C-alpha atoms as a PDB file:
ATOM      1  CA  MET A   1     -36.188  96.883 -21.359  1.00  0.00           C
ATOM      2  CA  TYR A   2     -32.102  96.774 -20.753  1.00  0.00           C
ATOM      3  CA  ARG A   3     -31.877  99.729 -18.563  1.00  0.00           C
ATOM      4  CA  LEU A   4     -32.382  97.657 -15.362  1.00  0.00           C
ATOM      5  CA  HIS A   5     -29.824  94.982 -16.460  1.00  0.00           C
ATOM      6  CA  TYR A   6     -27.278  97.673 -17.045  1.00  0.00           C
ATOM      7  CA  LYS A   7     -28.271  99.848 -14.209  1.00  0.00           C
ATOM      8  CA  LEU A   8     -29.334 102.737 -16.259  1.00  0.00           C
ATOM      9  CA  ARG A   9     -31.729 105.522 -15.561  1.00  0.00           C
ATOM     10  CA  GLU A  10     -32.858 105.919 -19.120  1.00  0.00           C
ATOM     11  CA  ASN A  11     -31.977 105.341 -22.637  1.00  0.00           C
ATOM     12  CA  PRO A  12     -28.709 106.721 -23.348  1.00  0.00           C
ATOM     13  CA  PHE A  13     -28.664 106.521 -27.082  1.00  0.00           C
ATOM     14  CA  HIS A  14     -31.934 107.599 -28.163  1.00  0.00           C
ATOM     15  CA  LEU A  15     -32.184 109.517 -31.589  1.00  0.00           C
ATOM     16  CA  SER A  16     -34.551 112.352 -30.542  1.00  0.00           C
ATOM     17  CA  PRO A  17     -32.807 115.521 -29.446  1.00  0.00           C
ATOM     18  CA  ASP A  18     -32.022 115.961 -25.599  1.00  0.00           C
ATOM     19  CA  PRO A  19     -29.935 118.953 -24.629  1.00  0.00           C
ATOM     20  CA  ARG A  20     -28.867 116.756 -21.692  1.00  0.00           C
ATOM     21  CA  PHE A  21     -27.238 114.408 -23.762  1.00  0.00           C
ATOM     22  CA  MET A  22     -25.488 116.750 -26.080  1.00  0.00           C
ATOM     23  CA  TRP A  23     -21.837 116.054 -26.394  1.00  0.00           C
ATOM     24  CA  LEU A  24     -19.925 118.235 -28.997  1.00  0.00           C
ATOM     25  CA  GLY A  25     -16.431 117.433 -30.582  1.00  0.00           C
ATOM     26  CA  LYS A  26     -13.928 119.787 -31.798  1.00  0.00           C
ATOM     27  CA  GLN A  27     -15.507 120.265 -35.074  1.00  0.00           C
ATOM     28  CA  GLN A  28     -19.046 120.498 -33.687  1.00  0.00           C
ATOM     29  CA  LYS A  29     -17.727 123.022 -31.131  1.00  0.00           C
ATOM     30  CA  GLU A  30     -16.234 125.162 -34.034  1.00  0.00           C
ATOM     31  CA  ALA A  31     -19.336 124.878 -35.948  1.00  0.00           C
ATOM     32  CA  LEU A  32     -21.715 126.026 -32.950  1.00  0.00           C
ATOM     33  CA  ALA A  33     -19.358 128.831 -32.410  1.00  0.00           C
ATOM     34  CA  ALA A  34     -19.559 129.781 -36.134  1.00  0.00           C
ATOM     35  CA  LEU A  35     -23.257 129.743 -35.874  1.00  0.00           C
ATOM     36  CA  ARG A  36     -23.305 132.032 -32.717  1.00  0.00           C
ATOM     37  CA  HIS A  37     -20.792 134.455 -34.206  1.00  0.00           C
ATOM     38  CA  GLY A  38     -22.539 134.769 -37.520  1.00  0.00           C
ATOM     39  CA  ASN A  39     -25.686 136.088 -35.389  1.00  0.00           C
ATOM     40  CA  GLN A  40     -23.578 138.242 -32.961  1.00  0.00           C
ATOM     41  CA  GLY A  41     -21.943 139.816 -36.064  1.00  0.00           C
ATOM     42  CA  ASN A  42     -25.008 140.285 -38.029  1.00  0.00           C
ATOM     43  CA  ASP A  43     -23.261 138.390 -40.793  1.00  0.00           C
ATOM     44  CA  GLY A  44     -26.068 138.103 -43.022  1.00  0.00           C
ATOM     45  CA  ILE A  45     -25.687 134.887 -44.433  1.00  0.00           C
ATOM     46  CA  THR A  46     -23.814 131.743 -42.723  1.00  0.00           C
ATOM     47  CA  ILE A  47     -23.731 128.225 -44.352  1.00  0.00           C
ATOM     48  CA  LEU A  48     -23.217 125.170 -42.470  1.00  0.00           C
ATOM     49  CA  THR A  49     -22.617 121.648 -44.283  1.00  0.00           C
ATOM     50  CA  GLY A  50     -21.977 118.151 -43.356  1.00  0.00           C
ATOM     51  CA  ASP A  51     -23.037 114.675 -44.136  1.00  0.00           C
ATOM     52  CA  THR A  52     -26.200 112.851 -42.854  1.00  0.00           C
ATOM     53  CA  GLY A  53     -25.858 111.862 -39.163  1.00  0.00           C
ATOM     54  CA  THR A  54     -22.794 114.211 -38.514  1.00  0.00           C
ATOM     55  CA  GLY A  55     -25.140 116.177 -35.839  1.00  0.00           C
ATOM     56  CA  LYS A  56     -26.203 119.371 -37.756  1.00  0.00           C
ATOM     57  CA  THR A  57     -29.817 119.143 -36.404  1.00  0.00           C
ATOM     58  CA  THR A  58     -28.227 118.835 -32.750  1.00  0.00           C
ATOM     59  CA  LEU A  59     -26.038 121.959 -33.569  1.00  0.00           C
ATOM     60  CA  ILE A  60     -29.294 123.896 -34.733  1.00  0.00           C
ATOM     61  CA  ASN A  61     -31.118 123.002 -31.502  1.00  0.00           C
ATOM     62  CA  ALA A  62     -28.234 124.183 -29.581  1.00  0.00           C
ATOM     63  CA  PHE A  63     -28.025 127.341 -31.335  1.00  0.00           C
ATOM     64  CA  VAL A  64     -31.534 128.214 -31.236  1.00  0.00           C
ATOM     65  CA  GLY A  65     -31.437 127.277 -27.281  1.00  0.00           C
ATOM     66  CA  GLY A  66     -28.890 129.814 -26.552  1.00  0.00           C
ATOM     67  CA  LEU A  67     -30.491 132.513 -28.511  1.00  0.00           C
ATOM     68  CA  PRO A  68     -32.395 135.559 -26.492  1.00  0.00           C
ATOM     69  CA  LYS A  69     -36.009 134.548 -25.630  1.00  0.00           C
ATOM     70  CA  ASP A  70     -37.297 137.517 -27.408  1.00  0.00           C
ATOM     71  CA  ALA A  71     -35.600 136.749 -30.791  1.00  0.00           C
ATOM     72  CA  PHE A  72     -37.713 135.976 -33.889  1.00  0.00           C
ATOM     73  CA  VAL A  73     -36.726 132.486 -35.283  1.00  0.00           C
ATOM     74  CA  SER A  74     -38.204 130.528 -38.164  1.00  0.00           C
ATOM     75  CA  ILE A  75     -36.832 127.279 -38.999  1.00  0.00           C
ATOM     76  CA  LEU A  76     -37.784 125.704 -42.526  1.00  0.00           C
ATOM     77  CA  SER A  77     -37.227 122.112 -42.489  1.00  0.00           C
ATOM     78  CA  HIS A  78     -38.797 121.340 -45.981  1.00  0.00           C
ATOM     79  CA  PRO A  79     -37.592 123.860 -48.462  1.00  0.00           C
ATOM     80  CA  THR A  80     -39.239 122.375 -51.518  1.00  0.00           C
ATOM     81  CA  ILE A  81     -42.126 124.748 -50.954  1.00  0.00           C
ATOM     82  CA  GLY A  82     -43.228 127.384 -53.416  1.00  0.00           C
ATOM     83  CA  ARG A  83     -42.491 131.078 -53.043  1.00  0.00           C
ATOM     84  CA  ILE A  84     -45.857 132.210 -51.579  1.00  0.00           C
ATOM     85  CA  ASP A  85     -46.108 129.249 -49.311  1.00  0.00           C
ATOM     86  CA  PHE A  86     -42.457 130.265 -47.916  1.00  0.00           C
ATOM     87  CA  PHE A  87     -43.669 133.849 -47.457  1.00  0.00           C
ATOM     88  CA  ASN A  88     -46.934 132.363 -45.425  1.00  0.00           C
ATOM     89  CA  PHE A  89     -44.570 130.071 -43.589  1.00  0.00           C
ATOM     90  CA  LEU A  90     -42.543 133.026 -42.406  1.00  0.00           C
ATOM     91  CA  ALA A  91     -45.680 134.923 -41.741  1.00  0.00           C
ATOM     92  CA  GLU A  92     -46.852 132.325 -39.337  1.00  0.00           C
ATOM     93  CA  SER A  93     -43.426 131.844 -37.573  1.00  0.00           C
ATOM     94  CA  PHE A  94     -43.168 135.498 -36.901  1.00  0.00           C
ATOM     95  CA  ASN A  95     -46.729 135.792 -35.770  1.00  0.00           C
ATOM     96  CA  PHE A  96     -47.879 138.185 -38.576  1.00  0.00           C
ATOM     97  CA  HIS A  97     -51.547 136.897 -37.825  1.00  0.00           C
ATOM     98  CA  GLN A  98     -52.377 137.191 -41.577  1.00  0.00           C
ATOM     99  CA  ARG A  99     -51.732 135.040 -44.908  1.00  0.00           C
ATOM    100  CA  PHE A 100     -50.485 136.531 -48.167  1.00  0.00           C
ATOM    101  CA  LYS A 101     -51.653 135.937 -51.783  1.00  0.00           C
ATOM    102  CA  GLU A 102     -49.024 138.490 -53.318  1.00  0.00           C
ATOM    103  CA  LYS A 103     -45.390 138.805 -52.939  1.00  0.00           C
ATOM    104  CA  SER A 104     -45.586 142.710 -53.137  1.00  0.00           C
ATOM    105  CA  LYS A 105     -47.815 142.876 -49.733  1.00  0.00           C
ATOM    106  CA  PHE A 106     -45.706 140.345 -47.888  1.00  0.00           C
ATOM    107  CA  ILE A 107     -42.520 142.226 -48.911  1.00  0.00           C
ATOM    108  CA  ALA A 108     -43.969 145.508 -47.555  1.00  0.00           C
ATOM    109  CA  PHE A 109     -45.183 143.938 -44.260  1.00  0.00           C
ATOM    110  CA  PHE A 110     -41.781 142.201 -43.867  1.00  0.00           C
ATOM    111  CA  ASN A 111     -39.938 145.331 -44.414  1.00  0.00           C
ATOM    112  CA  SER A 112     -41.966 146.998 -41.633  1.00  0.00           C
ATOM    113  CA  PHE A 113     -41.478 144.072 -39.506  1.00  0.00           C
ATOM    114  CA  LEU A 114     -37.832 144.073 -39.997  1.00  0.00           C
ATOM    115  CA  ARG A 115     -37.519 147.964 -39.518  1.00  0.00           C
ATOM    116  CA  ILE A 116     -39.503 147.757 -36.227  1.00  0.00           C
ATOM    117  CA  SER A 117     -37.191 144.628 -34.909  1.00  0.00           C
ATOM    118  CA  CYS A 118     -33.982 146.463 -36.039  1.00  0.00           C
ATOM    119  CA  LYS A 119     -35.001 149.632 -34.007  1.00  0.00           C
ATOM    120  CA  PHE A 120     -35.673 147.657 -30.797  1.00  0.00           C
ATOM    121  CA  SER A 121     -32.472 145.755 -31.544  1.00  0.00           C
ATOM    122  CA  LYS A 122     -34.426 142.252 -31.780  1.00  0.00           C
ATOM    123  CA  ARG A 123     -32.916 139.426 -33.639  1.00  0.00           C
ATOM    124  CA  VAL A 124     -34.653 138.015 -36.648  1.00  0.00           C
ATOM    125  CA  ILE A 125     -33.360 134.817 -37.819  1.00  0.00           C
ATOM    126  CA  ILE A 126     -34.161 132.281 -40.796  1.00  0.00           C
ATOM    127  CA  ILE A 127     -32.826 128.840 -40.507  1.00  0.00           C
ATOM    128  CA  ILE A 128     -33.298 126.619 -43.930  1.00  0.00           C
ATOM    129  CA  ASP A 129     -32.755 123.095 -42.783  1.00  0.00           C
ATOM    130  CA  GLU A 130     -32.030 120.414 -45.446  1.00  0.00           C
ATOM    131  CA  ALA A 131     -30.884 123.448 -47.599  1.00  0.00           C
ATOM    132  CA  HIS A 132     -29.451 121.128 -50.151  1.00  0.00           C
ATOM    133  CA  LYS A 133     -33.094 120.220 -51.307  1.00  0.00           C
ATOM    134  CA  ILE A 134     -33.913 124.094 -51.496  1.00  0.00           C
ATOM    135  CA  THR A 135     -35.625 125.248 -54.999  1.00  0.00           C
ATOM    136  CA  PRO A 136     -34.048 127.652 -56.996  1.00  0.00           C
ATOM    137  CA  GLU A 137     -36.875 130.118 -56.310  1.00  0.00           C
ATOM    138  CA  LEU A 138     -36.273 130.067 -52.767  1.00  0.00           C
ATOM    139  CA  LEU A 139     -32.761 130.750 -53.154  1.00  0.00           C
ATOM    140  CA  GLU A 140     -33.629 133.733 -55.092  1.00  0.00           C
ATOM    141  CA  GLU A 141     -35.665 135.044 -52.449  1.00  0.00           C
ATOM    142  CA  ILE A 142     -32.936 134.412 -49.848  1.00  0.00           C
ATOM    143  CA  LEU A 143     -30.416 136.345 -52.145  1.00  0.00           C
ATOM    144  CA  VAL A 144     -33.152 139.233 -52.196  1.00  0.00           C
ATOM    145  CA  PHE A 145     -33.369 139.200 -48.267  1.00  0.00           C
ATOM    146  CA  SER A 146     -29.677 139.105 -47.960  1.00  0.00           C
ATOM    147  CA  ASN A 147     -29.717 142.631 -49.720  1.00  0.00           C
ATOM    148  CA  TYR A 148     -31.884 144.065 -46.961  1.00  0.00           C
ATOM    149  CA  LYS A 149     -29.760 146.826 -44.873  1.00  0.00           C
ATOM    150  CA  MET A 150     -31.441 148.956 -42.215  1.00  0.00           C
ATOM    151  CA  VAL A 151     -30.154 152.249 -40.412  1.00  0.00           C
ATOM    152  CA  GLU A 152     -29.317 151.807 -36.734  1.00  0.00           C
ATOM    153  CA  GLU A 153     -29.012 154.472 -34.409  1.00  0.00           C
ATOM    154  CA  ILE A 154     -25.956 154.316 -31.996  1.00  0.00           C
ATOM    155  CA  ARG A 155     -26.175 156.433 -28.883  1.00  0.00           C
ATOM    156  CA  MET A 156     -23.050 157.809 -27.708  1.00  0.00           C
ATOM    157  CA  ILE A 157     -22.540 159.847 -24.738  1.00  0.00           C
ATOM    158  CA  SER A 158     -22.494 163.120 -26.716  1.00  0.00           C
ATOM    159  CA  LYS A 159     -23.896 162.363 -30.022  1.00  0.00           C
ATOM    160  CA  ILE A 160     -25.999 159.993 -32.195  1.00  0.00           C
ATOM    161  CA  THR A 161     -24.180 158.092 -34.945  1.00  0.00           C
ATOM    162  CA  LYS A 162     -25.866 155.961 -37.598  1.00  0.00           C
ATOM    163  CA  ARG A 163     -24.823 152.535 -39.254  1.00  0.00           C
ATOM    164  CA  TYR A 164     -26.036 150.301 -41.560  1.00  0.00           C
ATOM    165  CA  ARG A 165     -26.821 146.554 -40.315  1.00  0.00           C
ATOM    166  CA  ASN A 166     -28.232 143.245 -41.710  1.00  0.00           C
ATOM    167  CA  PRO A 167     -31.705 143.218 -39.880  1.00  0.00           C
ATOM    168  CA  LEU A 168     -31.919 139.571 -40.980  1.00  0.00           C
ATOM    169  CA  ASN A 169     -29.414 136.616 -40.212  1.00  0.00           C
ATOM    170  CA  ILE A 170     -29.903 133.597 -42.712  1.00  0.00           C
ATOM    171  CA  TYR A 171     -28.657 130.251 -42.143  1.00  0.00           C
ATOM    172  CA  LEU A 172     -28.508 127.537 -44.789  1.00  0.00           C
ATOM    173  CA  VAL A 173     -27.814 124.154 -43.298  1.00  0.00           C
ATOM    174  CA  GLY A 174     -27.707 121.401 -45.515  1.00  0.00           C
ATOM    175  CA  GLN A 175     -25.801 118.219 -46.584  1.00  0.00           C
ATOM    176  CA  ASN A 176     -22.323 118.599 -48.556  1.00  0.00           C
ATOM    177  CA  GLU A 177     -23.989 119.011 -52.174  1.00  0.00           C
ATOM    178  CA  LEU A 178     -25.192 122.478 -50.850  1.00  0.00           C
ATOM    179  CA  ASP A 179     -21.833 123.687 -51.561  1.00  0.00           C
ATOM    180  CA  GLN A 180     -22.087 122.210 -55.006  1.00  0.00           C
ATOM    181  CA  ILE A 181     -25.296 124.031 -55.508  1.00  0.00           C
ATOM    182  CA  LEU A 182     -23.957 127.240 -54.433  1.00  0.00           C
ATOM    183  CA  ASN A 183     -20.898 126.843 -56.741  1.00  0.00           C
ATOM    184  CA  LYS A 184     -23.279 127.256 -59.638  1.00  0.00           C
ATOM    185  CA  ARG A 185     -22.375 130.622 -61.675  1.00  0.00           C
ATOM    186  CA  GLU A 186     -26.193 131.931 -60.854  1.00  0.00           C
ATOM    187  CA  TYR A 187     -25.461 131.578 -56.940  1.00  0.00           C
ATOM    188  CA  ASN A 188     -22.008 133.058 -56.980  1.00  0.00           C
ATOM    189  CA  LEU A 189     -23.593 136.262 -55.344  1.00  0.00           C
ATOM    190  CA  LEU A 190     -25.284 134.495 -52.798  1.00  0.00           C
ATOM    191  CA  LYS A 191     -21.967 132.257 -51.884  1.00  0.00           C
ATOM    192  CA  HIS A 192     -19.648 135.512 -51.724  1.00  0.00           C
ATOM    193  CA  LYS A 193     -22.329 137.045 -49.556  1.00  0.00           C
ATOM    194  CA  ALA A 194     -21.819 134.271 -46.988  1.00  0.00           C
ATOM    195  CA  LYS A 195     -19.176 135.558 -44.595  1.00  0.00           C
ATOM    196  CA  LYS A 196     -19.212 132.222 -42.641  1.00  0.00           C
ATOM    197  CA  ARG A 197     -18.980 128.780 -44.163  1.00  0.00           C
ATOM    198  CA  TYR A 198     -18.345 125.559 -42.347  1.00  0.00           C
ATOM    199  CA  ARG A 199     -18.264 121.878 -42.777  1.00  0.00           C
ATOM    200  CA  ILE A 200     -18.896 119.585 -39.960  1.00  0.00           C
ATOM    201  CA  ARG A 201     -16.797 116.268 -40.016  1.00  0.00           C
ATOM    202  CA  PRO A 202     -17.228 113.083 -37.871  1.00  0.00           C
ATOM    203  CA  LEU A 203     -15.879 112.561 -34.587  1.00  0.00           C
ATOM    204  CA  THR A 204     -12.524 111.039 -34.063  1.00  0.00           C
ATOM    205  CA  GLU A 205     -11.887 107.740 -32.211  1.00  0.00           C
ATOM    206  CA  VAL A 206     -11.213 109.496 -29.103  1.00  0.00           C
ATOM    207  CA  GLU A 207     -14.051 111.832 -29.373  1.00  0.00           C
ATOM    208  CA  THR A 208     -16.287 108.603 -30.075  1.00  0.00           C
ATOM    209  CA  GLN A 209     -15.059 107.100 -26.872  1.00  0.00           C
ATOM    210  CA  GLU A 210     -15.794 110.267 -24.928  1.00  0.00           C
ATOM    211  CA  TYR A 211     -19.245 110.604 -26.588  1.00  0.00           C
ATOM    212  CA  ILE A 212     -20.207 107.145 -25.577  1.00  0.00           C
ATOM    213  CA  LYS A 213     -19.036 107.352 -22.079  1.00  0.00           C
ATOM    214  CA  TYR A 214     -20.760 111.035 -21.642  1.00  0.00           C
ATOM    215  CA  ARG A 215     -24.045 109.652 -22.764  1.00  0.00           C
ATOM    216  CA  LEU A 216     -23.865 106.725 -20.479  1.00  0.00           C
ATOM    217  CA  LYS A 217     -23.031 108.930 -17.427  1.00  0.00           C
ATOM    218  CA  ILE A 218     -26.024 110.992 -18.033  1.00  0.00           C
ATOM    219  CA  ALA A 219     -27.946 107.754 -18.327  1.00  0.00           C
ATOM    220  CA  GLY A 220     -26.908 106.983 -14.972  1.00  0.00           C
ATOM    221  CA  ALA A 221     -24.215 104.408 -15.722  1.00  0.00           C
ATOM    222  CA  VAL A 222     -21.838 103.507 -12.862  1.00  0.00           C
ATOM    223  CA  GLU A 223     -19.925 100.742 -14.525  1.00  0.00           C
ATOM    224  CA  GLU A 224     -18.109 100.228 -17.971  1.00  0.00           C
ATOM    225  CA  VAL A 225     -21.113  99.084 -20.021  1.00  0.00           C
ATOM    226  CA  PHE A 226     -18.885  99.162 -23.225  1.00  0.00           C
ATOM    227  CA  SER A 227     -15.112  97.685 -23.338  1.00  0.00           C
ATOM    228  CA  ASP A 228     -12.621  99.568 -24.726  1.00  0.00           C
ATOM    229  CA  LYS A 229     -12.244  97.183 -27.722  1.00  0.00           C
ATOM    230  CA  ALA A 230     -16.061  97.217 -28.313  1.00  0.00           C
ATOM    231  CA  VAL A 231     -15.946 101.105 -28.820  1.00  0.00           C
ATOM    232  CA  LYS A 232     -12.955 100.697 -31.128  1.00  0.00           C
ATOM    233  CA  VAL A 233     -15.244  98.548 -33.335  1.00  0.00           C
ATOM    234  CA  ILE A 234     -18.144 100.958 -32.833  1.00  0.00           C
ATOM    235  CA  TYR A 235     -15.775 103.625 -34.406  1.00  0.00           C
ATOM    236  CA  LYS A 236     -14.819 101.415 -37.059  1.00  0.00           C
ATOM    237  CA  PHE A 237     -18.346 100.787 -38.445  1.00  0.00           C
ATOM    238  CA  SER A 238     -19.789 104.156 -37.588  1.00  0.00           C
ATOM    239  CA  ALA A 239     -16.606 106.303 -38.970  1.00  0.00           C
ATOM    240  CA  GLY A 240     -17.445 108.693 -36.212  1.00  0.00           C
ATOM    241  CA  TYR A 241     -21.001 109.706 -37.185  1.00  0.00           C
ATOM    242  CA  PRO A 242     -22.965 110.518 -34.086  1.00  0.00           C
ATOM    243  CA  ARG A 243     -26.191 108.972 -35.522  1.00  0.00           C
ATOM    244  CA  VAL A 244     -24.770 105.733 -36.581  1.00  0.00           C
ATOM    245  CA  ILE A 245     -22.778 105.490 -33.073  1.00  0.00           C
ATOM    246  CA  ASN A 246     -26.384 105.700 -31.457  1.00  0.00           C
ATOM    247  CA  ILE A 247     -27.930 103.090 -33.580  1.00  0.00           C
ATOM    248  CA  LEU A 248     -24.941 100.774 -33.152  1.00  0.00           C
ATOM    249  CA  CYS A 249     -24.819 101.400 -29.183  1.00  0.00           C
ATOM    250  CA  GLU A 250     -28.749 100.957 -28.925  1.00  0.00           C
ATOM    251  CA  ASN A 251     -28.726  97.789 -30.906  1.00  0.00           C
ATOM    252  CA  ALA A 252     -25.645  96.624 -29.007  1.00  0.00           C
ATOM    253  CA  LEU A 253     -27.433  97.191 -25.499  1.00  0.00           C
ATOM    254  CA  LEU A 254     -30.426  95.491 -26.787  1.00  0.00           C
ATOM    255  CA  THR A 255     -28.505  92.460 -28.014  1.00  0.00           C
ATOM    256  CA  GLY A 256     -26.304  92.365 -25.003  1.00  0.00           C
ATOM    257  CA  TYR A 257     -29.581  92.254 -22.792  1.00  0.00           C
ATOM    258  CA  PHE A 258     -31.029  89.243 -24.448  1.00  0.00           C
ATOM    259  CA  LYS A 259     -27.718  87.595 -24.432  1.00  0.00           C
ATOM    260  CA  LYS A 260     -27.306  88.419 -20.363  1.00  0.00           C
ATOM    261  CA  ALA A 261     -24.097  89.765 -21.166  1.00  0.00           C
ATOM    262  CA  LYS A 262     -22.926  91.979 -18.350  1.00  0.00           C
ATOM    263  CA  GLN A 263     -20.516  94.267 -20.484  1.00  0.00           C
ATOM    264  CA  ILE A 264     -20.869  95.000 -24.295  1.00  0.00           C
ATOM    265  CA  LYS A 265     -17.669  93.082 -26.203  1.00  0.00           C
ATOM    266  CA  PRO A 266     -16.667  93.429 -29.807  1.00  0.00           C
ATOM    267  CA  ARG A 267     -18.470  90.308 -30.728  1.00  0.00           C
ATOM    268  CA  ILE A 268     -21.698  91.685 -30.104  1.00  0.00           C
ATOM    269  CA  VAL A 269     -21.117  94.881 -31.936  1.00  0.00           C
ATOM    270  CA  LYS A 270     -20.155  93.112 -34.908  1.00  0.00           C
ATOM    271  CA  GLU A 271     -23.123  91.059 -34.959  1.00  0.00           C
ATOM    272  CA  CYS A 272     -25.448  94.241 -34.625  1.00  0.00           C
ATOM    273  CA  ALA A 273     -23.206  95.820 -37.388  1.00  0.00           C
ATOM    274  CA  LYS A 274     -24.122  92.773 -39.644  1.00  0.00           C
ATOM    275  CA  ARG A 275     -27.754  92.852 -38.768  1.00  0.00           C
ATOM    276  CA  LEU A 276     -27.753  96.526 -39.539  1.00  0.00           C
ATOM    277  CA  GLY A 277     -26.089  96.309 -42.691  1.00  0.00           C
ATOM    278  CA  TYR A 278     -22.742  97.963 -41.661  1.00  0.00           C
ATOM    279  CA  LEU A 279     -20.870  94.866 -42.072  1.00  0.00           C
ATOM    280  CA  ASP A 280     -20.742  92.713 -45.545  1.00  0.00           C
END
C-alpha cells in the first residue's frame, strides 16, 4: 500500500525471515561466529540466549543456511514434548523412515546413525529453539547425547591415527531464563559441558540507524524515508530490539502514507508508539 508512495519495490520491515534483509550488529555477528565455531570445533553443546526480539531466529536461519548441504540438521521449536515424541521427531528429521515406541531401540538406531555419519565426516546437528521451555526429561536426554564420543580415523602421509570426537553438535537457543535453568544444581554437568555460551544484546543507536537504512536500501529506497530525528525516536522506543524496530517502522510507513507525508518525522513515530503501547 505504501510502497509506491515511498518508491519501494517491496516491504522493508516484514517480520518473516528473509536472508536478503539480514543485517547484523556487532553482537549478532559475534554470536553467529560462536555458532559456527561450535560446529567447526565439534564443541558438543553451544548455548545462545537473548531477550525476545533480539534476533535469535534470524541467527539460527543464517547459521543453518551456511551449513554444508549434506549436513544432518534437526530444529525443534517446541521443546515441551515427551521423550518418545522427541525421539520420533529426530527420527523424522534425520529421515530414519521408522517410528519408535521404546527408548532402547531408538538409541541403538541413533548410535548406528552417528557412527556412520562420523565415518563419512558428516555433521549431525540438533538445534533446540525456545530452549527455556524445555522439559526436564528432554534436558536429561540432551545430557546423555552430549556424552557420545566416536573414534575418528585421521589419515596421515605414513600412518593412520585415531582420535575421539563429538559426533553430535547440540545448540540450546532460548531466552535469558535458560541461564537460570542451567544454573540449577541438577544441570551443572550440562552447563559445564557447554564450551560456547553467548548472550545476544540489542542494537546500539548507531546500529539501529544502519539497520533501518540497510533494509530500506534492499527494498529499493532512493531517498531518505526516515529523518535522522525519527530514527532516534525509533531507537528510544525500541531500545534496539530488531523486532520492535520492524514493527515501529512498518506502522510509521503506513501512517505516513495515510497522512501523505513525504518523509517519516518523529511525530509520526511517537503516534505509532503510543498506538502500539510503547508510549504511555
